[in-house]
Amino acid sequence: MRITKVTTKTGDQGNTTLGDGSHVSKDNVRVHCLGSIDELNASIGLARVTLSEHHEADLESIQNDLFNIGGEISIPALEKPLLHEDRVDFLEKRIKSINKQLPPLEEFIIPGGSETGARLHVARSICRRAERDLVSLNNIEKLSTDILKYVNRLSDYLFVLARLVIDKSGGKETQWDRSD
């Protein structure tokens, strides 16, 4: 699909057009999912600009995956999935590799530690919301299990990547103090 213009004025009354040409209200659960995925993609882009080449390339690849997820969501009853299980495997391998470089968790982590780490934690929290929105849509209409798995793994990936970035930058990871 080629986008030839950004402003269509068709959404001025609170409706939008999906990828299959159908019209829905902008407060439709599917549109909530699309918005959450878009926000997640933008937040990853914000974190990406401050990362090393290796992780920057991974995040760009993930951003493309998020466009594929958005494509699947925007076309109800899409016959051929755009996101495949190998992308879930990609995330799982990255999580395992990063975890090997980190000290074990002893307590919950307070987001922060470095600017890039904090940005990744924001992306992680947006990812968790996107996952909840996708579960809501899945309760109405079954989604590809690969989408649900992928977004679940993505929040884990963003968490361990934030920890790694904080560690490698010399930042300090602050653990939750239960005594307060």
Protein backbone atom coordinates (compact mmCIF):
# COMPACT_ATOMS: atom_id res chain seq x y z
CA MET A 1 0.00 0.00 0.00
CA ARG A 2 1.41 3.39 -0.98
CA ILE A 3 0.39 6.35 1.16
CA THR A 4 -0.15 9.31 -1.13
CA LYS A 5 -1.50 11.78 1.40
CA VAL A 6 -1.52 12.06 5.16
CA THR A 7 -4.58 14.23 5.71
CA THR A 8 -7.75 12.61 4.40
CA LYS A 9 -10.30 14.44 6.60
CA THR A 10 -12.29 11.20 6.81
CA GLY A 11 -11.37 10.81 10.49
CA ASP A 12 -12.76 14.15 11.59
CA GLN A 13 -15.97 12.53 12.85
CA GLY A 14 -14.20 9.95 15.03
CA ASN A 15 -13.95 7.09 12.55
CA THR A 16 -11.03 5.58 10.70
CA THR A 17 -10.49 3.20 7.80
CA LEU A 18 -8.73 -0.11 8.35
CA GLY A 19 -6.40 -1.78 5.86
CA ASP A 20 -9.24 -3.81 4.37
CA GLY A 21 -11.31 -0.68 3.68
CA SER A 22 -13.76 -1.18 6.55
CA HIS A 23 -14.63 1.75 8.82
CA VAL A 24 -14.52 1.63 12.62
CA SER A 25 -14.73 4.09 15.48
CA LYS A 26 -11.40 5.44 16.68
CA ASP A 27 -12.19 4.02 20.12
CA ASN A 28 -12.45 0.48 18.70
CA VAL A 29 -10.22 -2.06 20.48
CA ARG A 30 -8.41 -2.73 17.18
CA VAL A 31 -7.57 0.96 16.87
CA HIS A 32 -6.35 0.97 20.49
CA CYS A 33 -4.00 -1.87 19.54
CA LEU A 34 -2.75 -0.02 16.49
CA GLY A 35 -2.15 3.10 18.57
CA SER A 36 -0.28 1.18 21.25
CA ILE A 37 1.90 -0.57 18.67
CA ASP A 38 2.60 2.79 17.00
CA GLU A 39 3.50 4.39 20.33
CA LEU A 40 5.74 1.43 21.16
CA ASN A 41 7.47 1.76 17.79
CA ALA A 42 8.07 5.49 18.34
CA SER A 43 9.41 4.91 21.86
CA ILE A 44 11.82 2.28 20.56
CA GLY A 45 12.95 4.76 17.92
CA LEU A 46 13.64 7.29 20.66
CA ALA A 47 15.80 4.76 22.52
CA ARG A 48 17.44 3.54 19.33
CA VAL A 49 19.11 6.84 18.49
CA THR A 50 21.35 6.56 21.56
CA LEU A 51 22.36 2.90 21.27
CA SER A 52 25.43 1.14 19.89
CA GLU A 53 25.32 -0.17 16.33
CA HIS A 54 24.66 -3.79 17.30
CA HIS A 55 21.63 -3.07 19.44
CA GLU A 56 20.51 -0.24 17.17
CA ALA A 57 20.27 -2.70 14.27
CA ASP A 58 18.27 -5.13 16.42
CA LEU A 59 15.85 -2.39 17.42
CA GLU A 60 15.40 -1.29 13.80
CA SER A 61 14.57 -4.88 12.93
CA ILE A 62 12.08 -4.95 15.81
CA GLN A 63 10.51 -1.72 14.54
CA ASN A 64 9.93 -3.42 11.19
CA ASP A 65 8.32 -6.32 13.05
CA LEU A 66 6.00 -3.86 14.77
CA PHE A 67 4.92 -2.53 11.38
CA ASN A 68 4.16 -6.13 10.37
CA ILE A 69 2.09 -6.56 13.53
CA GLY A 70 0.26 -3.32 12.76
CA GLY A 71 -0.37 -4.58 9.24
CA GLU A 72 -1.89 -7.78 10.56
CA ILE A 73 -4.07 -5.94 13.03
CA SER A 74 -5.24 -3.38 10.49
CA ILE A 75 -6.58 -6.08 8.16
CA PRO A 76 -9.20 -8.19 9.95
CA ALA A 77 -9.18 -11.83 8.81
CA LEU A 78 -5.82 -11.51 7.06
CA GLU A 79 -5.12 -14.93 5.60
CA LYS A 80 -1.30 -14.84 5.50
CA PRO A 81 0.47 -13.65 8.65
CA LEU A 82 3.07 -10.92 8.32
CA LEU A 83 4.95 -11.82 11.51
CA HIS A 84 6.44 -15.29 11.76
CA GLU A 85 7.60 -17.52 14.61
CA ASP A 86 11.26 -17.07 13.66
CA ARG A 87 10.97 -13.50 14.96
CA VAL A 88 9.91 -14.87 18.37
CA ASP A 89 12.98 -17.12 18.22
CA PHE A 90 15.12 -14.07 17.37
CA LEU A 91 13.97 -12.32 20.54
CA GLU A 92 14.43 -15.40 22.70
CA LYS A 93 18.02 -15.81 21.47
CA ARG A 94 18.78 -12.14 22.14
CA ILE A 95 17.27 -12.35 25.64
CA LYS A 96 19.37 -15.43 26.45
CA SER A 97 22.54 -13.79 25.13
CA ILE A 98 21.99 -10.57 27.07
CA ASN A 99 21.03 -12.40 30.28
CA LYS A 100 24.39 -14.20 30.25
CA GLN A 101 26.08 -10.79 30.53
CA LEU A 102 24.02 -9.61 33.51
CA PRO A 103 24.18 -10.22 37.23
CA PRO A 104 21.17 -12.12 38.59
CA LEU A 105 18.17 -10.12 39.71
CA GLU A 106 17.79 -9.88 43.45
CA GLU A 107 14.85 -7.49 43.53
CA PHE A 108 12.60 -5.42 41.29
CA ILE A 109 14.45 -2.69 39.40
CA ILE A 110 13.43 0.97 39.63
CA PRO A 111 13.48 2.29 36.03
CA GLY A 112 16.30 4.73 35.34
CA GLY A 113 20.05 4.24 35.64
CA SER A 114 20.97 6.03 32.42
CA GLU A 115 19.13 8.05 29.80
CA THR A 116 19.05 5.20 27.29
CA GLY A 117 18.17 2.68 29.99
CA ALA A 118 15.27 4.86 31.11
CA ARG A 119 14.08 5.19 27.49
CA LEU A 120 14.14 1.41 27.14
CA HIS A 121 12.16 1.03 30.36
CA VAL A 122 9.54 3.45 28.98
CA ALA A 123 9.38 1.37 25.79
CA ARG A 124 9.02 -1.77 27.92
CA SER A 125 6.09 -0.33 29.84
CA ILE A 126 4.41 0.76 26.60
CA CYS A 127 5.00 -2.76 25.28
CA ARG A 128 3.19 -4.21 28.30
CA ARG A 129 0.20 -1.95 27.59
CA ALA A 130 0.25 -2.96 23.93
CA GLU A 131 0.21 -6.58 25.06
CA ARG A 132 -2.84 -5.95 27.25
CA ASP A 133 -4.60 -4.24 24.32
CA LEU A 134 -3.75 -7.18 22.05
CA VAL A 135 -5.14 -9.63 24.62
CA SER A 136 -8.37 -7.60 24.68
CA LEU A 137 -8.60 -7.84 20.88
CA ASN A 138 -7.73 -11.55 21.01
CA ASN A 139 -10.65 -12.09 23.41
CA ILE A 140 -12.96 -10.73 20.69
CA GLU A 141 -11.23 -12.10 17.61
CA LYS A 142 -8.40 -14.62 17.60
CA LEU A 143 -5.02 -13.18 16.66
CA SER A 144 -1.96 -15.06 15.50
CA THR A 145 -0.32 -16.67 18.52
CA ASP A 146 2.99 -15.42 17.13
CA ILE A 147 1.87 -11.81 17.67
CA LEU A 148 1.00 -12.43 21.31
CA LYS A 149 4.22 -14.38 21.93
CA TYR A 150 6.31 -11.77 20.16
CA VAL A 151 4.99 -8.81 22.13
CA ASN A 152 5.37 -10.74 25.39
CA ARG A 153 9.00 -11.58 24.57
CA LEU A 154 9.62 -8.04 23.38
CA SER A 155 8.88 -6.61 26.81
CA ASP A 156 11.37 -9.11 28.29
CA TYR A 157 13.95 -8.15 25.67
CA LEU A 158 13.52 -4.44 26.38
CA PHE A 159 13.92 -5.13 30.10
CA VAL A 160 17.18 -7.07 29.78
CA LEU A 161 18.50 -4.63 27.17
CA ALA A 162 17.81 -1.72 29.54
CA ARG A 163 19.73 -3.55 32.26
CA LEU A 164 22.64 -4.24 29.91
CA VAL A 165 22.80 -0.66 28.64
CA ILE A 166 22.81 0.68 32.19
CA ASP A 167 25.55 -1.76 33.18
CA LYS A 168 27.76 -1.06 30.13
CA SER A 169 27.38 2.72 30.44
CA GLY A 170 28.56 2.68 34.04
CA GLY A 171 25.10 3.65 35.28
CA LYS A 172 23.67 2.32 38.50
CA GLU A 173 20.73 -0.04 38.59
CA THR A 174 18.56 0.87 41.58
CA GLN A 175 16.70 -1.96 43.26
CA TRP A 176 13.37 -1.54 44.97
CA ASP A 177 13.81 -0.93 48.68
CA ARG A 178 11.00 -2.80 50.41
CA SER A 179 11.62 -1.04 53.72
CA ASP A 180 9.97 2.23 52.64
